[in-house]
Amino acid sequence: MAKMLATIVESPYFSSPLFDLPDMNDPHLKIALDVGTLGFAQDSRSAARGVHRVAEYLFKGLRASGGCDLRFIATSHVAGAYDFLLSQGFSPDRTMGFYPTQLQISRLSRIGSRWVHGNVADRRFFARGARRLVSSACALAVSQQERFPSRFLDGADIYHSPLAPIPATVRANKKLKHFLTVHDLIPLTQPECLAGDAGPYIRRLLKSLCPDSFAFCVTESVKADLLTYSHLRPEQIFVTHLAADRGTFYPEADEAKIAALRKAYGIPDAPYFFSLSSFDPRKNFGHIIQCFSQLVLSKEIADCNLLIVGSNPERNIFVEEAIASCPEVRQRIIMPGYIPDSDLAAIYSGARAFLFPSHAEGFGIPPLEAMQCGTPVISSNAPALPEVLGDAAILLDPNDLDGWCQAMVSIAKDASLREKLKQKGLARAANFSWERFTESTLRGYKAAL
């Protein structure tokens, strides 16, 4: 594999520049967009997270704006990016810069990654060794995908990476305005909230910002952190608030549909609290389970269940420990795994309340989705969340056991409180839209130019 990687040729896939020579009368912004993160989401939909959703809406918004001439590179997951562009009606052979060998290696790497994830339960010594070897080869393949010839940027006005560090090839182009979207700096500001050490990656991300770089931050809170940890000035950082998709997340009034999805995902016909996110320790699911267990055992919410949705719940040791400490309520905690977005409006709408006890967030899309579905929200007051949710949610310290228990009981028993929070949540969610996100992005581009 290493020998194959070393054979990537230096001749570019395109013989012509990425963009035509600049036309001073052309109003279109010429944008080189990194779609590597969309390649990851294309390859592994159930593993996609909020950052991948943001990249998808950025892609869709720029495409729909009518003011952009888009071309693409992929600094990772080239094969997935290629397939994503095909699925969107683009010809990646014409609109994406890559080496032919690079695409072939990326496809092999994808096969290897899928094999590793498909065999992760095999704990035999030989299997563990094989997975480590294949994973190392795949990581080496991904590292080679950052390379692309500088001529792919000829004629471009803007380079934008929605997630990955800005490549050296881009930083060296003094005619190009380059942007990086920064979703959060939690590995630096609150490293205790994370299971692994993501600090080196975040530091590499920040190192890729040079004095003439620009950044988008998803909240004012993240902007403040970026000003602390980088050399960028305030005028180089633009805030682009995120949103919940209005066509996907809405109050579902069809009781038959709600009932059908309850049955499909094993949700009993009884009131339930709902929580959704990745099973990252900072999401604090153990706290919610502890609160719920205490209320069930005290018979304060005797008729309620707890629904927790997300991929691979078995990988969160805090969830396992919380459930093990109170086995008598295990049958009332439903964890169906991943549920696609297309089914979530009904799941949100059927819930008594949405619970979001996260220790740290850069924005927090799920509680906004819940509000847009008319579902009352009880949320952590961690940085960024008050900025997004305002006074339309019950905001609590993520470690306040008594406060969360009291709020859950109040929501469960007080229909007028639920209606009040529903109306305030719908009004709050209306302040956010992906159209505004795109408009803010375009304003940032134009300000930089």
Protein backbone atom coordinates (compact mmCIF):
# COMPACT_ATOMS: atom_id res chain seq x y z
CA MET A 1 0.00 0.00 0.00
CA ALA A 2 2.80 2.45 0.94
CA LYS A 3 4.61 1.74 -2.35
CA MET A 4 1.39 2.31 -4.25
CA LEU A 5 0.84 5.63 -2.48
CA ALA A 6 4.33 6.74 -3.40
CA THR A 7 3.57 6.27 -7.09
CA ILE A 8 0.98 9.07 -7.27
CA VAL A 9 2.07 11.00 -10.34
CA GLU A 10 2.68 14.73 -10.32
CA SER A 11 0.80 15.43 -13.55
CA PRO A 12 -2.66 16.85 -12.72
CA TYR A 13 -5.85 15.12 -13.72
CA PHE A 14 -6.98 18.33 -15.45
CA SER A 15 -4.81 19.76 -18.21
CA SER A 16 -6.66 23.10 -17.98
CA PRO A 17 -6.98 25.48 -15.02
CA LEU A 18 -9.76 24.96 -12.53
CA PHE A 19 -11.45 28.21 -13.60
CA ASP A 20 -11.31 30.26 -16.76
CA LEU A 21 -9.26 33.45 -16.71
CA PRO A 22 -10.94 36.13 -14.57
CA ASP A 23 -13.58 38.25 -16.30
CA MET A 24 -13.96 41.65 -14.63
CA ASN A 25 -17.59 41.81 -15.77
CA ASP A 26 -18.48 38.39 -14.32
CA PRO A 27 -20.46 38.86 -11.05
CA HIS A 28 -20.07 35.23 -10.02
CA LEU A 29 -17.76 34.32 -7.16
CA LYS A 30 -15.35 31.59 -8.22
CA ILE A 31 -15.17 29.22 -5.27
CA ALA A 32 -12.99 26.16 -4.70
CA LEU A 33 -14.83 24.14 -2.06
CA ASP A 34 -13.31 21.25 -0.12
CA VAL A 35 -15.88 18.42 -0.21
CA GLY A 36 -13.79 15.82 1.60
CA THR A 37 -16.07 15.88 4.65
CA LEU A 38 -19.06 15.28 2.33
CA GLY A 39 -17.16 12.30 0.99
CA PHE A 40 -17.01 10.89 4.51
CA ALA A 41 -20.76 11.41 4.99
CA GLN A 42 -21.44 9.78 1.63
CA ASP A 43 -19.45 6.70 2.63
CA SER A 44 -20.88 6.40 6.16
CA ARG A 45 -24.26 8.09 6.50
CA SER A 46 -25.04 6.74 9.97
CA ALA A 47 -21.70 8.07 11.29
CA ALA A 48 -22.26 11.58 9.91
CA ARG A 49 -22.53 14.28 12.56
CA GLY A 50 -23.50 17.93 12.77
CA VAL A 51 -20.29 19.12 11.09
CA HIS A 52 -21.09 16.99 8.04
CA ARG A 53 -24.63 18.35 7.91
CA VAL A 54 -23.27 21.90 7.97
CA ALA A 55 -20.96 21.09 5.04
CA GLU A 56 -23.93 19.68 3.11
CA TYR A 57 -26.03 22.81 3.64
CA LEU A 58 -23.07 24.99 2.70
CA PHE A 59 -22.78 23.04 -0.56
CA LYS A 60 -26.52 23.25 -1.24
CA GLY A 61 -26.76 26.92 -0.32
CA LEU A 62 -23.87 28.04 -2.50
CA ARG A 63 -25.18 25.98 -5.38
CA ALA A 64 -28.69 27.45 -5.06
CA SER A 65 -27.51 31.03 -4.61
CA GLY A 66 -26.99 31.57 -8.32
CA GLY A 67 -23.99 33.77 -7.60
CA CYS A 68 -21.24 31.16 -7.41
CA ASP A 69 -19.14 29.23 -9.89
CA LEU A 70 -18.28 26.10 -7.90
CA ARG A 71 -15.41 23.69 -8.38
CA PHE A 72 -14.19 21.13 -5.89
CA ILE A 73 -11.24 19.42 -4.29
CA ALA A 74 -11.24 16.76 -1.57
CA THR A 75 -8.47 16.75 1.01
CA SER A 76 -9.85 13.43 2.32
CA HIS A 77 -12.27 10.69 1.23
CA VAL A 78 -11.74 11.36 -2.46
CA ALA A 79 -13.83 8.35 -3.52
CA GLY A 80 -16.75 9.38 -1.33
CA ALA A 81 -16.50 12.97 -2.60
CA TYR A 82 -16.48 11.69 -6.17
CA ASP A 83 -19.64 9.65 -5.51
CA PHE A 84 -21.29 12.55 -3.67
CA LEU A 85 -20.79 14.89 -6.62
CA LEU A 86 -22.18 12.25 -8.98
CA SER A 87 -25.26 11.94 -6.75
CA GLN A 88 -25.74 15.73 -6.98
CA GLY A 89 -25.61 15.80 -10.77
CA PHE A 90 -22.04 17.07 -11.12
CA SER A 91 -19.38 15.46 -13.27
CA PRO A 92 -16.46 15.03 -10.85
CA ASP A 93 -14.12 14.23 -13.75
CA ARG A 94 -14.72 17.79 -14.92
CA THR A 95 -15.39 19.72 -11.71
CA MET A 96 -13.16 18.07 -9.07
CA GLY A 97 -9.39 18.15 -8.93
CA PHE A 98 -7.71 14.83 -8.15
CA TYR A 99 -5.10 12.40 -9.40
CA PRO A 100 -6.45 9.19 -11.04
CA THR A 101 -4.26 7.03 -8.78
CA GLN A 102 -5.49 9.00 -5.79
CA LEU A 103 -9.08 8.03 -6.56
CA GLN A 104 -8.14 4.37 -6.93
CA ILE A 105 -6.30 4.35 -3.61
CA SER A 106 -9.21 6.11 -1.91
CA ARG A 107 -11.56 3.40 -3.15
CA LEU A 108 -9.27 0.70 -1.77
CA SER A 109 -9.05 2.60 1.52
CA ARG A 110 -12.84 2.74 1.72
CA ILE A 111 -13.06 -1.04 1.33
CA GLY A 112 -10.47 -1.45 4.08
CA SER A 113 -12.25 0.93 6.45
CA ARG A 114 -15.56 -0.84 5.97
CA TRP A 115 -13.90 -4.16 6.67
CA VAL A 116 -12.37 -2.81 9.90
CA HIS A 117 -15.71 -1.44 11.16
CA GLY A 118 -17.54 -4.59 10.13
CA ASN A 119 -15.19 -6.80 12.16
CA VAL A 120 -14.62 -4.63 15.21
CA ALA A 121 -16.41 -7.11 17.49
CA ASP A 122 -13.83 -9.86 16.78
CA ARG A 123 -11.43 -9.63 19.72
CA ARG A 124 -9.06 -12.43 18.71
CA PHE A 125 -5.38 -11.51 18.62
CA PHE A 126 -5.04 -12.14 14.88
CA ALA A 127 -8.16 -10.09 14.11
CA ARG A 128 -6.97 -7.15 16.22
CA GLY A 129 -3.60 -7.20 14.49
CA ALA A 130 -5.19 -7.33 11.05
CA ARG A 131 -7.48 -4.41 11.88
CA ARG A 132 -4.54 -2.34 13.11
CA LEU A 133 -2.57 -3.06 9.95
CA VAL A 134 -5.47 -2.22 7.65
CA SER A 135 -6.32 0.92 9.67
CA SER A 136 -2.72 2.14 9.39
CA ALA A 137 -2.74 1.60 5.63
CA CYS A 138 -6.05 3.47 5.33
CA ALA A 139 -4.74 6.37 7.44
CA LEU A 140 -1.68 6.58 5.19
CA ALA A 141 -3.96 6.64 2.16
CA VAL A 142 -6.02 9.48 3.63
CA SER A 143 -2.87 11.50 4.39
CA GLN A 144 -1.95 11.38 0.71
CA GLN A 145 -5.29 12.81 -0.36
CA GLU A 146 -4.41 16.32 0.81
CA ARG A 147 -2.12 16.68 -2.20
CA PHE A 148 -3.32 18.46 -5.32
CA PRO A 149 -1.49 20.67 -7.85
CA SER A 150 -1.67 24.40 -7.31
CA ARG A 151 -3.02 24.98 -10.82
CA PHE A 152 -6.39 23.65 -9.64
CA LEU A 153 -6.79 27.01 -7.92
CA ASP A 154 -6.04 29.15 -10.98
CA GLY A 155 -8.70 31.82 -11.43
CA ALA A 156 -10.44 31.12 -8.11
CA ASP A 157 -11.49 33.97 -5.80
CA ILE A 158 -12.24 31.92 -2.69
CA TYR A 159 -11.09 28.65 -1.15
CA HIS A 160 -13.32 27.33 1.63
CA SER A 161 -12.76 24.34 3.89
CA PRO A 162 -15.85 23.44 5.96
CA LEU A 163 -13.83 21.32 8.38
CA ALA A 164 -10.27 20.28 7.44
CA PRO A 165 -7.08 22.34 7.84
CA ILE A 166 -6.27 24.71 4.99
CA PRO A 167 -3.63 22.98 2.80
CA ALA A 168 -0.21 24.55 2.30
CA THR A 169 -0.91 24.77 -1.44
CA VAL A 170 -3.81 27.11 -0.69
CA ARG A 171 -1.92 29.22 1.85
CA ALA A 172 0.86 29.76 -0.68
CA ASN A 173 -1.55 31.30 -3.21
CA LYS A 174 -1.47 35.02 -2.37
CA LYS A 175 -4.24 35.89 -4.86
CA LEU A 176 -6.73 33.60 -3.15
CA LYS A 177 -8.87 34.43 -0.12
CA HIS A 178 -9.04 31.32 2.02
CA PHE A 179 -11.66 30.48 4.65
CA LEU A 180 -11.93 27.85 7.34
CA THR A 181 -15.14 27.01 9.21
CA VAL A 182 -14.44 26.55 12.92
CA HIS A 183 -17.20 24.62 14.68
CA ASP A 184 -15.71 24.65 18.17
CA LEU A 185 -12.45 24.63 20.11
CA ILE A 186 -13.66 22.29 22.86
CA PRO A 187 -10.48 20.14 22.82
CA LEU A 188 -8.61 23.28 23.96
CA THR A 189 -11.25 25.07 26.06
CA GLN A 190 -12.74 22.02 27.81
CA PRO A 191 -10.51 18.99 27.14
CA GLU A 192 -11.94 17.21 30.20
CA CYS A 193 -15.24 16.83 28.32
CA LEU A 194 -13.73 14.56 25.67
CA ALA A 195 -12.81 10.89 25.83
CA GLY A 196 -9.82 11.13 23.47
CA ASP A 197 -7.18 13.75 22.82
CA ALA A 198 -8.36 15.86 19.89
CA GLY A 199 -6.03 18.68 20.88
CA PRO A 200 -3.35 17.90 18.26
CA TYR A 201 -5.91 18.01 15.46
CA ILE A 202 -7.36 21.33 16.63
CA ARG A 203 -3.87 22.78 16.95
CA ARG A 204 -3.13 21.64 13.39
CA LEU A 205 -6.38 23.31 12.32
CA LEU A 206 -5.33 26.59 13.97
CA LYS A 207 -1.81 26.32 12.58
CA SER A 208 -3.29 26.22 9.07
CA LEU A 209 -4.64 29.75 9.61
CA CYS A 210 -2.08 32.33 8.50
CA PRO A 211 -2.27 36.11 9.15
CA ASP A 212 -4.29 36.72 5.99
CA SER A 213 -6.74 33.85 6.51
CA PHE A 214 -10.44 34.26 7.24
CA ALA A 215 -12.74 32.12 9.36
CA PHE A 216 -16.41 31.39 9.82
CA CYS A 217 -17.58 30.55 13.34
CA VAL A 218 -20.99 29.04 14.07
CA THR A 219 -21.63 31.21 17.16
CA GLU A 220 -20.28 34.32 18.84
CA SER A 221 -19.08 32.03 21.62
CA VAL A 222 -16.82 30.11 19.21
CA LYS A 223 -15.62 33.40 17.70
CA ALA A 224 -14.52 34.57 21.15
CA ASP A 225 -12.58 31.33 21.64
CA LEU A 226 -10.96 31.63 18.21
CA LEU A 227 -9.82 35.19 18.99
CA THR A 228 -8.18 33.81 22.13
CA TYR A 229 -6.43 30.86 20.49
CA SER A 230 -5.46 32.36 17.11
CA HIS A 231 -3.80 35.45 15.71
CA LEU A 232 -6.86 36.43 13.64
CA ARG A 233 -8.43 39.83 14.17
CA PRO A 234 -12.19 40.31 14.76
CA GLU A 235 -12.73 41.62 11.22
CA GLN A 236 -11.32 38.35 9.82
CA ILE A 237 -13.94 36.21 11.58
CA PHE A 238 -17.57 36.01 10.50
CA VAL A 239 -20.39 34.38 12.48
CA THR A 240 -22.73 32.17 10.47
CA HIS A 241 -25.45 30.74 12.71
CA LEU A 242 -26.66 27.27 11.77
CA ALA A 243 -30.28 26.10 11.50
CA ALA A 244 -32.69 23.18 11.38
CA ASP A 245 -34.04 22.16 7.98
CA ARG A 246 -37.64 23.37 7.72
CA GLY A 247 -38.59 20.71 5.21
CA THR A 248 -37.33 17.94 7.50
CA PHE A 249 -38.11 19.18 11.01
CA TYR A 250 -41.65 20.42 11.62
CA PRO A 251 -44.56 19.69 14.01
CA GLU A 252 -45.88 16.33 12.86
CA ALA A 253 -49.65 16.23 13.42
CA ASP A 254 -50.30 12.85 11.81
CA GLU A 255 -50.92 10.59 14.81
CA ALA A 256 -51.01 7.50 12.57
CA LYS A 257 -47.49 8.26 11.29
CA ILE A 258 -46.21 8.85 14.81
CA ALA A 259 -47.74 5.56 15.94
CA ALA A 260 -46.26 3.68 12.98
CA LEU A 261 -42.77 4.99 13.69
CA ARG A 262 -43.13 4.22 17.38
CA LYS A 263 -43.83 0.64 16.42
CA ALA A 264 -40.99 0.52 13.89
CA TYR A 265 -38.42 1.65 16.46
CA GLY A 266 -39.79 -0.24 19.45
CA ILE A 267 -41.08 2.82 21.32
CA PRO A 268 -43.94 1.83 23.66
CA ASP A 269 -47.32 3.58 23.42
CA ALA A 270 -46.66 5.80 26.44
CA PRO A 271 -45.21 9.28 27.10
CA TYR A 272 -41.46 9.56 26.59
CA PHE A 273 -38.56 11.93 27.02
CA PHE A 274 -36.28 12.10 24.01
CA SER A 275 -32.56 12.71 23.66
CA LEU A 276 -30.52 12.51 20.47
CA SER A 277 -26.85 12.91 19.63
CA SER A 278 -23.66 11.01 19.02
CA PHE A 279 -22.66 8.78 21.94
CA ASP A 280 -19.76 11.06 22.79
CA PRO A 281 -19.08 11.25 26.57
CA ARG A 282 -19.46 15.05 26.50
CA LYS A 283 -23.11 14.59 25.49
CA ASN A 284 -23.68 13.53 29.11
CA PHE A 285 -26.25 10.79 28.50
CA GLY A 286 -25.27 9.13 31.79
CA HIS A 287 -26.64 12.16 33.64
CA ILE A 288 -30.02 11.89 31.90
CA ILE A 289 -30.24 8.18 32.69
CA GLN A 290 -29.43 8.90 36.32
CA CYS A 291 -32.13 11.59 36.54
CA PHE A 292 -34.69 9.39 34.80
CA SER A 293 -33.91 6.41 37.04
CA GLN A 294 -34.30 8.52 40.16
CA LEU A 295 -37.69 9.80 39.02
CA VAL A 296 -38.95 6.35 38.07
CA LEU A 297 -37.90 4.81 41.37
CA SER A 298 -39.56 7.66 43.29
CA LYS A 299 -42.68 7.11 41.15
CA GLU A 300 -42.77 10.79 40.14
CA ILE A 301 -43.00 9.94 36.42
CA ALA A 302 -44.41 6.46 36.63
CA ASP A 303 -45.84 6.41 33.10
CA CYS A 304 -42.84 7.82 31.15
CA ASN A 305 -40.05 6.17 29.16
CA LEU A 306 -36.68 7.52 28.02
CA LEU A 307 -35.69 7.34 24.35
CA ILE A 308 -32.02 7.88 23.45
CA VAL A 309 -31.15 7.91 19.74
CA GLY A 310 -27.68 7.75 18.23
CA SER A 311 -25.24 5.38 16.54
CA ASN A 312 -23.28 2.76 18.52
CA PRO A 313 -24.67 3.33 22.04
CA GLU A 314 -22.70 0.31 23.29
CA ARG A 315 -19.46 2.29 22.86
CA ASN A 316 -20.29 4.80 25.62
CA ILE A 317 -19.07 3.40 28.92
CA PHE A 318 -20.91 6.10 30.89
CA VAL A 319 -24.24 4.96 29.46
CA GLU A 320 -23.46 1.34 30.33
CA GLU A 321 -22.47 2.29 33.88
CA ALA A 322 -25.59 4.45 34.40
CA ILE A 323 -27.88 1.65 33.23
CA ALA A 324 -26.01 -0.99 35.26
CA SER A 325 -26.41 1.09 38.41
CA CYS A 326 -30.21 0.93 38.10
CA PRO A 327 -31.16 -2.28 36.25
CA GLU A 328 -34.80 -2.11 37.38
CA VAL A 329 -35.52 0.72 34.93
CA ARG A 330 -33.58 -0.74 32.00
CA GLN A 331 -36.75 -1.91 30.24
CA ARG A 332 -37.98 1.70 30.17
CA ILE A 333 -34.87 3.06 28.44
CA ILE A 334 -35.18 2.59 24.67
CA MET A 335 -32.03 2.86 22.51
CA PRO A 336 -32.89 1.94 18.92
CA GLY A 337 -29.58 3.21 17.51
CA TYR A 338 -29.48 5.40 14.43
CA ILE A 339 -32.72 6.90 13.08
CA PRO A 340 -32.62 8.75 9.72
CA ASP A 341 -33.58 12.42 9.57
CA SER A 342 -36.66 11.60 7.51
CA ASP A 343 -38.24 9.89 10.55
CA LEU A 344 -37.14 12.33 13.24
CA ALA A 345 -39.90 14.96 12.95
CA ALA A 346 -42.45 12.40 14.13
CA ILE A 347 -40.13 11.20 16.92
CA TYR A 348 -39.50 14.77 18.13
CA SER A 349 -43.20 15.67 17.86
CA GLY A 350 -44.32 12.66 19.88
CA ALA A 351 -42.03 13.44 22.83
CA ARG A 352 -42.99 15.08 26.13
CA ALA A 353 -39.72 17.01 25.97
CA PHE A 354 -36.31 16.93 24.34
CA LEU A 355 -33.34 16.61 26.71
CA PHE A 356 -29.91 17.97 25.78
CA PRO A 357 -27.52 17.80 28.78
CA SER A 358 -24.26 18.33 26.84
CA HIS A 359 -21.18 19.56 28.68
CA ALA A 360 -19.89 21.51 25.65
CA GLU A 361 -21.18 22.62 22.24
CA GLY A 362 -20.14 24.89 19.43
CA PHE A 363 -23.76 25.44 18.39
CA GLY A 364 -26.24 22.64 19.21
CA ILE A 365 -28.47 21.74 16.27
CA PRO A 366 -30.62 18.99 17.91
CA PRO A 367 -32.40 21.27 20.44
CA LEU A 368 -33.13 23.70 17.61
CA GLU A 369 -34.62 20.82 15.59
CA ALA A 370 -36.77 19.92 18.59
CA MET A 371 -38.04 23.51 18.94
CA GLN A 372 -38.87 23.61 15.24
CA CYS A 373 -40.97 20.46 15.77
CA GLY A 374 -42.85 22.16 18.62
CA THR A 375 -41.20 20.04 21.32
CA PRO A 376 -40.34 21.60 24.72
CA VAL A 377 -36.59 21.62 25.40
CA ILE A 378 -34.59 21.16 28.58
CA SER A 379 -30.97 21.93 27.80
CA SER A 380 -27.57 22.42 29.32
CA ASN A 381 -26.46 26.02 29.75
CA ALA A 382 -22.99 25.22 28.40
CA PRO A 383 -21.37 27.98 26.29
CA ALA A 384 -23.08 28.64 22.93
CA LEU A 385 -26.38 26.99 23.90
CA PRO A 386 -27.91 30.08 25.61
CA GLU A 387 -26.92 32.08 22.51
CA VAL A 388 -28.88 29.67 20.31
CA LEU A 389 -31.84 28.79 22.55
CA GLY A 390 -32.41 32.10 24.34
CA ASP A 391 -35.30 32.01 26.82
CA ALA A 392 -37.24 29.43 24.77
CA ALA A 393 -35.81 26.46 26.70
CA ILE A 394 -35.25 25.49 30.31
CA LEU A 395 -31.48 25.97 30.72
CA LEU A 396 -29.66 24.16 33.53
CA ASP A 397 -26.16 23.30 34.66
CA PRO A 398 -25.34 19.94 33.01
CA ASN A 399 -24.39 18.47 36.42
CA ASP A 400 -27.44 19.72 38.37
CA LEU A 401 -29.19 16.46 39.21
CA ASP A 402 -31.98 18.00 41.31
CA GLY A 403 -32.61 20.79 38.78
CA TRP A 404 -32.95 18.35 35.87
CA CYS A 405 -35.22 16.06 37.87
CA GLN A 406 -37.46 18.97 38.86
CA ALA A 407 -37.63 20.26 35.27
CA MET A 408 -38.51 16.80 33.92
CA VAL A 409 -41.30 16.40 36.47
CA SER A 410 -42.66 19.87 35.68
CA ILE A 411 -42.71 19.15 31.96
CA ALA A 412 -44.28 15.73 32.44
CA LYS A 413 -47.12 17.02 34.63
CA ASP A 414 -47.80 20.58 33.44
CA ALA A 415 -49.53 20.78 30.05
CA SER A 416 -49.61 24.60 30.17
CA LEU A 417 -45.83 24.72 30.64
CA ARG A 418 -45.37 22.40 27.68
CA GLU A 419 -47.58 24.63 25.52
CA LYS A 420 -45.72 27.77 26.62
CA LEU A 421 -42.34 26.25 25.77
CA LYS A 422 -43.69 24.91 22.48
CA GLN A 423 -44.78 28.37 21.32
CA LYS A 424 -41.59 30.07 22.49
CA GLY A 425 -39.51 27.36 20.83
CA LEU A 426 -41.30 27.70 17.48
CA ALA A 427 -40.78 31.47 17.57
CA ARG A 428 -37.10 31.09 18.49
CA ALA A 429 -36.41 28.51 15.76
CA ALA A 430 -37.91 30.87 13.17
CA ASN A 431 -34.90 33.17 13.72
CA PHE A 432 -32.59 30.60 12.16
CA SER A 433 -32.55 29.30 8.60
CA TRP A 434 -30.08 27.78 6.18
CA GLU A 435 -30.90 30.59 3.76
CA ARG A 436 -29.61 33.09 6.31
CA PHE A 437 -26.58 30.88 6.87
CA THR A 438 -25.80 31.04 3.12
CA GLU A 439 -26.38 34.80 3.00
CA SER A 440 -23.97 35.30 5.92
CA THR A 441 -21.40 33.12 4.17
CA LEU A 442 -21.63 35.10 0.94
CA ARG A 443 -21.35 38.37 2.88
CA GLY A 444 -18.15 37.03 4.44
CA TYR A 445 -16.70 36.15 1.04
CA LYS A 446 -17.50 39.59 -0.38
CA ALA A 447 -16.13 41.39 2.68
CA ALA A 448 -12.84 39.49 2.30
CA LEU A 449 -12.63 40.43 -1.38
